[in-house]
Amino acid sequence: MNCYKKSRKIFKERIKENKNISKIEWDKFAQENCLFSANTLMFHVDAKSFEDLKEKLS
């Protein structure tokens, strides 16, 4: 599994657990677990903001 798919999958799981997760919380979690940051995920799905990213991936 590549890093993008792993990050995307775990991001979706985290959103299901906590719909109010912030960009800072995700970035900290991502750094601790060697996942892509919010900015990288936003770039890949062409999201304009973190809230837009959460909508597109949930």
PDB file of N, CA and C in Angstrom:
ATOM      1  N   MET A   1       0.860  -1.175   0.000  1.00  0.00           N
ATOM      2  CA  MET A   1       0.000   0.000   0.000  1.00  0.00           C
ATOM      3  C   MET A   1       0.903   1.233   0.000  1.00  0.00           C
ATOM      4  N   ASN A   2       0.602   2.185  -0.858  1.00  0.00           N
ATOM      5  CA  ASN A   2       1.448   3.371  -0.871  1.00  0.00           C
ATOM      6  C   ASN A   2       1.036   4.354   0.221  1.00  0.00           C
ATOM      7  N   CYS A   3       1.904   5.313   0.490  1.00  0.00           N
ATOM      8  CA  CYS A   3       1.695   6.249   1.612  1.00  0.00           C
ATOM      9  C   CYS A   3       0.447   7.098   1.423  1.00  0.00           C
ATOM     10  N   TYR A   4       0.147   7.494   0.197  1.00  0.00           N
ATOM     11  CA  TYR A   4      -1.041   8.313  -0.036  1.00  0.00           C
ATOM     12  C   TYR A   4      -2.307   7.535   0.317  1.00  0.00           C
ATOM     13  N   LYS A   5      -2.428   6.321  -0.177  1.00  0.00           N
ATOM     14  CA  LYS A   5      -3.626   5.525   0.096  1.00  0.00           C
ATOM     15  C   LYS A   5      -3.762   5.230   1.588  1.00  0.00           C
ATOM     16  N   LYS A   6      -2.649   4.947   2.244  1.00  0.00           N
ATOM     17  CA  LYS A   6      -2.676   4.683   3.683  1.00  0.00           C
ATOM     18  C   LYS A   6      -3.128   5.934   4.435  1.00  0.00           C
ATOM     19  N   SER A   7      -2.568   7.091   4.070  1.00  0.00           N
ATOM     20  CA  SER A   7      -2.930   8.354   4.729  1.00  0.00           C
ATOM     21  C   SER A   7      -4.397   8.677   4.515  1.00  0.00           C
ATOM     22  N   ARG A   8      -4.864   8.487   3.303  1.00  0.00           N
ATOM     23  CA  ARG A   8      -6.258   8.780   2.972  1.00  0.00           C
ATOM     24  C   ARG A   8      -7.201   7.874   3.768  1.00  0.00           C
ATOM     25  N   LYS A   9      -6.866   6.595   3.842  1.00  0.00           N
ATOM     26  CA  LYS A   9      -7.703   5.633   4.572  1.00  0.00           C
ATOM     27  C   LYS A   9      -7.779   5.995   6.058  1.00  0.00           C
ATOM     28  N   ILE A  10      -6.645   6.290   6.644  1.00  0.00           N
ATOM     29  CA  ILE A  10      -6.621   6.618   8.069  1.00  0.00           C
ATOM     30  C   ILE A  10      -7.290   7.960   8.322  1.00  0.00           C
ATOM     31  N   PHE A  11      -7.140   8.914   7.398  1.00  0.00           N
ATOM     32  CA  PHE A  11      -7.817  10.204   7.534  1.00  0.00           C
ATOM     33  C   PHE A  11      -9.327  10.004   7.563  1.00  0.00           C
ATOM     34  N   LYS A  12      -9.840   9.173   6.687  1.00  0.00           N
ATOM     35  CA  LYS A  12     -11.281   8.886   6.664  1.00  0.00           C
ATOM     36  C   LYS A  12     -11.735   8.271   7.985  1.00  0.00           C
ATOM     37  N   GLU A  13     -10.930   7.351   8.516  1.00  0.00           N
ATOM     38  CA  GLU A  13     -11.271   6.719   9.791  1.00  0.00           C
ATOM     39  C   GLU A  13     -11.290   7.742  10.926  1.00  0.00           C
ATOM     40  N   ARG A  14     -10.313   8.645  10.929  1.00  0.00           N
ATOM     41  CA  ARG A  14     -10.248   9.669  11.975  1.00  0.00           C
ATOM     42  C   ARG A  14     -11.433  10.626  11.894  1.00  0.00           C
ATOM     43  N   ILE A  15     -11.880  10.931  10.677  1.00  0.00           N
ATOM     44  CA  ILE A  15     -13.046  11.810  10.509  1.00  0.00           C
ATOM     45  C   ILE A  15     -14.294  11.134  11.065  1.00  0.00           C
ATOM     46  N   LYS A  16     -14.428   9.831  10.842  1.00  0.00           N
ATOM     47  CA  LYS A  16     -15.579   9.106  11.380  1.00  0.00           C
ATOM     48  C   LYS A  16     -15.570   9.131  12.905  1.00  0.00           C
ATOM     49  N   GLU A  17     -14.383   9.037  13.502  1.00  0.00           N
ATOM     50  CA  GLU A  17     -14.262   9.058  14.956  1.00  0.00           C
ATOM     51  C   GLU A  17     -14.519  10.454  15.517  1.00  0.00           C
ATOM     52  N   ASN A  18     -14.028  11.472  14.813  1.00  0.00           N
ATOM     53  CA  ASN A  18     -14.113  12.839  15.308  1.00  0.00           C
ATOM     54  C   ASN A  18     -14.345  13.793  14.139  1.00  0.00           C
ATOM     55  N   LYS A  19     -15.582  14.154  13.890  1.00  0.00           N
ATOM     56  CA  LYS A  19     -15.909  15.021  12.759  1.00  0.00           C
ATOM     57  C   LYS A  19     -15.385  16.444  12.931  1.00  0.00           C
ATOM     58  N   ASN A  20     -15.010  16.807  14.155  1.00  0.00           N
ATOM     59  CA  ASN A  20     -14.512  18.154  14.435  1.00  0.00           C
ATOM     60  C   ASN A  20     -12.992  18.224  14.514  1.00  0.00           C
ATOM     61  N   ILE A  21     -12.303  17.234  13.975  1.00  0.00           N
ATOM     62  CA  ILE A  21     -10.846  17.240  14.019  1.00  0.00           C
ATOM     63  C   ILE A  21     -10.323  18.485  13.293  1.00  0.00           C
ATOM     64  N   SER A  22      -9.284  19.062  13.852  1.00  0.00           N
ATOM     65  CA  SER A  22      -8.714  20.265  13.238  1.00  0.00           C
ATOM     66  C   SER A  22      -7.502  19.886  12.388  1.00  0.00           C
ATOM     67  N   LYS A  23      -7.110  20.815  11.562  1.00  0.00           N
ATOM     68  CA  LYS A  23      -5.936  20.606  10.715  1.00  0.00           C
ATOM     69  C   LYS A  23      -4.701  20.378  11.576  1.00  0.00           C
ATOM     70  N   ILE A  24      -4.583  21.117  12.650  1.00  0.00           N
ATOM     71  CA  ILE A  24      -3.421  20.993  13.544  1.00  0.00           C
ATOM     72  C   ILE A  24      -3.388  19.612  14.186  1.00  0.00           C
ATOM     73  N   GLU A  25      -4.557  19.129  14.624  1.00  0.00           N
ATOM     74  CA  GLU A  25      -4.629  17.794  15.228  1.00  0.00           C
ATOM     75  C   GLU A  25      -4.233  16.726  14.212  1.00  0.00           C
ATOM     76  N   TRP A  26      -4.743  16.845  12.986  1.00  0.00           N
ATOM     77  CA  TRP A  26      -4.403  15.858  11.955  1.00  0.00           C
ATOM     78  C   TRP A  26      -2.918  15.912  11.649  1.00  0.00           C
ATOM     79  N   ASP A  27      -2.360  17.091  11.471  1.00  0.00           N
ATOM     80  CA  ASP A  27      -0.943  17.202  11.127  1.00  0.00           C
ATOM     81  C   ASP A  27      -0.050  16.610  12.213  1.00  0.00           C
ATOM     82  N   LYS A  28      -0.415  16.816  13.470  1.00  0.00           N
ATOM     83  CA  LYS A  28       0.359  16.240  14.571  1.00  0.00           C
ATOM     84  C   LYS A  28       0.267  14.715  14.538  1.00  0.00           C
ATOM     85  N   PHE A  29      -0.949  14.194  14.368  1.00  0.00           N
ATOM     86  CA  PHE A  29      -1.154  12.746  14.277  1.00  0.00           C
ATOM     87  C   PHE A  29      -0.403  12.180  13.073  1.00  0.00           C
ATOM     88  N   ALA A  30      -0.483  12.850  11.942  1.00  0.00           N
ATOM     89  CA  ALA A  30       0.175  12.391  10.722  1.00  0.00           C
ATOM     90  C   ALA A  30       1.688  12.348  10.895  1.00  0.00           C
ATOM     91  N   GLN A  31       2.244  13.365  11.511  1.00  0.00           N
ATOM     92  CA  GLN A  31       3.689  13.400  11.723  1.00  0.00           C
ATOM     93  C   GLN A  31       4.134  12.265  12.638  1.00  0.00           C
ATOM     94  N   GLU A  32       3.369  12.006  13.683  1.00  0.00           N
ATOM     95  CA  GLU A  32       3.720  10.940  14.628  1.00  0.00           C
ATOM     96  C   GLU A  32       3.604   9.555  13.998  1.00  0.00           C
ATOM     97  N   ASN A  33       2.764   9.421  12.955  1.00  0.00           N
ATOM     98  CA  ASN A  33       2.515   8.110  12.352  1.00  0.00           C
ATOM     99  C   ASN A  33       3.001   7.996  10.910  1.00  0.00           C
ATOM    100  N   CYS A  34       3.867   8.914  10.493  1.00  0.00           N
ATOM    101  CA  CYS A  34       4.473   8.892   9.153  1.00  0.00           C
ATOM    102  C   CYS A  34       3.425   8.876   8.044  1.00  0.00           C
ATOM    103  N   LEU A  35       2.430   9.769   8.162  1.00  0.00           N
ATOM    104  CA  LEU A  35       1.371   9.899   7.164  1.00  0.00           C
ATOM    105  C   LEU A  35       1.488  11.248   6.479  1.00  0.00           C
ATOM    106  N   PHE A  36       0.731  11.443   5.406  1.00  0.00           N
ATOM    107  CA  PHE A  36       0.749  12.714   4.696  1.00  0.00           C
ATOM    108  C   PHE A  36       0.036  13.788   5.499  1.00  0.00           C
ATOM    109  N   SER A  37       0.541  14.991   5.408  1.00  0.00           N
ATOM    110  CA  SER A  37      -0.068  16.129   6.096  1.00  0.00           C
ATOM    111  C   SER A  37      -1.375  16.526   5.427  1.00  0.00           C
ATOM    112  N   ALA A  38      -2.105  17.402   6.098  1.00  0.00           N
ATOM    113  CA  ALA A  38      -3.367  17.901   5.549  1.00  0.00           C
ATOM    114  C   ALA A  38      -3.135  18.620   4.226  1.00  0.00           C
ATOM    115  N   ASN A  39      -2.069  19.408   4.137  1.00  0.00           N
ATOM    116  CA  ASN A  39      -1.797  20.142   2.897  1.00  0.00           C
ATOM    117  C   ASN A  39      -1.562  19.197   1.726  1.00  0.00           C
ATOM    118  N   THR A  40      -0.844  18.118   1.957  1.00  0.00           N
ATOM    119  CA  THR A  40      -0.580  17.153   0.893  1.00  0.00           C
ATOM    120  C   THR A  40      -1.869  16.463   0.463  1.00  0.00           C
ATOM    121  N   LEU A  41      -2.693  16.064   1.416  1.00  0.00           N
ATOM    122  CA  LEU A  41      -3.974  15.441   1.076  1.00  0.00           C
ATOM    123  C   LEU A  41      -4.872  16.420   0.329  1.00  0.00           C
ATOM    124  N   MET A  42      -4.871  17.694   0.764  1.00  0.00           N
ATOM    125  CA  MET A  42      -5.690  18.713   0.094  1.00  0.00           C
ATOM    126  C   MET A  42      -5.248  18.880  -1.355  1.00  0.00           C
ATOM    127  N   PHE A  43      -3.952  18.856  -1.592  1.00  0.00           N
ATOM    128  CA  PHE A  43      -3.430  18.978  -2.953  1.00  0.00           C
ATOM    129  C   PHE A  43      -3.892  17.805  -3.819  1.00  0.00           C
ATOM    130  N   HIS A  44      -3.836  16.600  -3.283  1.00  0.00           N
ATOM    131  CA  HIS A  44      -4.184  15.405  -4.062  1.00  0.00           C
ATOM    132  C   HIS A  44      -5.666  15.350  -4.438  1.00  0.00           C
ATOM    133  N   VAL A  45      -6.544  15.862  -3.590  1.00  0.00           N
ATOM    134  CA  VAL A  45      -7.982  15.805  -3.902  1.00  0.00           C
ATOM    135  C   VAL A  45      -8.513  17.151  -4.390  1.00  0.00           C
ATOM    136  N   ASP A  46      -7.612  18.095  -4.608  1.00  0.00           N
ATOM    137  CA  ASP A  46      -7.963  19.421  -5.112  1.00  0.00           C
ATOM    138  C   ASP A  46      -8.979  20.117  -4.203  1.00  0.00           C
ATOM    139  N   ALA A  47      -8.687  20.093  -2.913  1.00  0.00           N
ATOM    140  CA  ALA A  47      -9.537  20.769  -1.926  1.00  0.00           C
ATOM    141  C   ALA A  47      -8.981  22.164  -1.660  1.00  0.00           C
ATOM    142  N   LYS A  48      -9.872  23.102  -1.443  1.00  0.00           N
ATOM    143  CA  LYS A  48      -9.458  24.486  -1.226  1.00  0.00           C
ATOM    144  C   LYS A  48      -9.206  24.809   0.247  1.00  0.00           C
ATOM    145  N   SER A  49      -9.721  23.990   1.146  1.00  0.00           N
ATOM    146  CA  SER A  49      -9.528  24.193   2.577  1.00  0.00           C
ATOM    147  C   SER A  49      -9.603  22.842   3.280  1.00  0.00           C
ATOM    148  N   PHE A  50      -9.263  22.846   4.548  1.00  0.00           N
ATOM    149  CA  PHE A  50      -9.320  21.615   5.328  1.00  0.00           C
ATOM    150  C   PHE A  50     -10.757  21.120   5.461  1.00  0.00           C
ATOM    151  N   GLU A  51     -11.685  22.054   5.620  1.00  0.00           N
ATOM    152  CA  GLU A  51     -13.108  21.672   5.704  1.00  0.00           C
ATOM    153  C   GLU A  51     -13.573  21.047   4.385  1.00  0.00           C
ATOM    154  N   ASP A  52     -13.105  21.581   3.285  1.00  0.00           N
ATOM    155  CA  ASP A  52     -13.430  21.028   1.972  1.00  0.00           C
ATOM    156  C   ASP A  52     -12.845  19.613   1.846  1.00  0.00           C
ATOM    157  N   LEU A  53     -11.648  19.416   2.347  1.00  0.00           N
ATOM    158  CA  LEU A  53     -11.024  18.101   2.339  1.00  0.00           C
ATOM    159  C   LEU A  53     -11.864  17.092   3.130  1.00  0.00           C
ATOM    160  N   LYS A  54     -12.311  17.503   4.317  1.00  0.00           N
ATOM    161  CA  LYS A  54     -13.125  16.601   5.135  1.00  0.00           C
ATOM    162  C   LYS A  54     -14.409  16.233   4.412  1.00  0.00           C
ATOM    163  N   GLU A  55     -15.023  17.187   3.725  1.00  0.00           N
ATOM    164  CA  GLU A  55     -16.260  16.890   2.973  1.00  0.00           C
ATOM    165  C   GLU A  55     -15.998  15.929   1.833  1.00  0.00           C
ATOM    166  N   LYS A  56     -14.914  16.137   1.097  1.00  0.00           N
ATOM    167  CA  LYS A  56     -14.618  15.305  -0.065  1.00  0.00           C
ATOM    168  C   LYS A  56     -14.241  13.886   0.313  1.00  0.00           C
ATOM    169  N   LEU A  57     -13.603  13.702   1.459  1.00  0.00           N
ATOM    170  CA  LEU A  57     -13.136  12.366   1.843  1.00  0.00           C
ATOM    171  C   LEU A  57     -14.070  11.645   2.810  1.00  0.00           C
ATOM    172  N   SER A  58     -15.092  12.302   3.276  1.00  0.00           N
ATOM    173  CA  SER A  58     -15.996  11.591   4.195  1.00  0.00           C
ATOM    174  C   SER A  58     -17.216  11.060   3.478  1.00  0.00           C
TER     175      SER A  58
END
